[in-house]
Amino acid sequence: MTWKMLKPAEKLCDRLWPTSEQKLPHEIIKLNDESAAVVIDIDGVDYILTMQEVPRQRPRPASN
């Protein structure tokens, strides 16, 4: 069974990569089946972001 948080975490990493002059690649850490941690290098400082799917999704505007 694949871990459902891997693709969203990879997508986040792909979007963050061009925003800073990273020295190290991002790391994705599996915290549990429902959450992930992403370690990112922003301007030479490591940060950790946690990701979890929101159980009650916010309403999205209708697209025509």
Protein backbone atom coordinates (compact mmCIF):
# COMPACT_ATOMS: atom_id res chain seq x y z
CA MET A 1 0.00 0.00 0.00
CA THR A 2 1.34 3.42 -0.90
CA TRP A 3 1.58 6.23 1.60
CA LYS A 4 -1.03 8.86 0.67
CA MET A 5 1.03 11.81 1.95
CA LEU A 6 4.05 11.19 -0.30
CA LYS A 7 2.72 12.85 -3.48
CA PRO A 8 1.39 15.99 -1.71
CA ALA A 9 4.70 16.34 0.16
CA GLU A 10 6.67 15.95 -3.09
CA LYS A 11 4.45 18.57 -4.73
CA LEU A 12 5.14 20.99 -1.86
CA CYS A 13 8.88 20.40 -2.19
CA ASP A 14 8.72 21.04 -5.95
CA ARG A 15 6.94 24.34 -5.36
CA LEU A 16 9.29 25.49 -2.60
CA TRP A 17 12.53 24.62 -4.41
CA PRO A 18 12.64 27.67 -6.74
CA THR A 19 11.87 30.15 -3.93
CA SER A 20 15.30 30.07 -2.28
CA GLU A 21 18.95 29.28 -2.89
CA GLN A 22 18.86 25.91 -1.15
CA LYS A 23 22.14 24.20 -0.35
CA LEU A 24 20.50 20.89 0.59
CA PRO A 25 17.61 18.98 -1.00
CA HIS A 26 14.32 18.71 0.85
CA GLU A 27 13.67 15.69 3.06
CA ILE A 28 10.28 14.06 3.53
CA ILE A 29 9.76 12.21 6.80
CA LYS A 30 6.82 9.88 7.43
CA LEU A 31 5.47 10.73 10.88
CA ASN A 32 2.59 8.25 10.62
CA ASP A 33 0.11 7.06 7.98
CA GLU A 34 -1.76 10.36 8.12
CA SER A 35 1.00 12.98 8.37
CA ALA A 36 4.38 13.99 7.00
CA ALA A 37 7.19 16.34 7.91
CA VAL A 38 9.14 18.21 5.26
CA VAL A 39 12.61 19.50 6.11
CA ILE A 40 13.52 22.43 3.89
CA ASP A 41 16.56 24.67 3.55
CA ILE A 42 15.56 28.31 3.15
CA ASP A 43 18.45 30.76 2.85
CA GLY A 44 20.80 28.43 4.71
CA VAL A 45 18.44 27.67 7.61
CA ASP A 46 16.62 24.34 8.03
CA TYR A 47 12.90 24.46 8.79
CA ILE A 48 10.44 21.64 9.36
CA LEU A 49 6.89 21.85 8.06
CA THR A 50 4.27 19.33 9.07
CA MET A 51 1.52 18.22 6.71
CA GLN A 52 -1.79 16.58 7.48
CA GLU A 53 -4.94 16.39 5.42
CA VAL A 54 -7.64 18.63 6.87
CA PRO A 55 -10.64 16.42 7.73
CA ARG A 56 -13.22 19.08 6.91
CA GLN A 57 -12.23 20.72 3.64
CA ARG A 58 -12.91 24.41 3.05
CA PRO A 59 -15.45 25.24 0.32
CA ARG A 60 -13.91 26.00 -3.05
CA PRO A 61 -15.31 28.58 -5.48
CA ALA A 62 -17.24 27.16 -8.39
CA SER A 63 -15.25 26.97 -11.61
CA ASN A 64 -16.99 27.66 -14.90
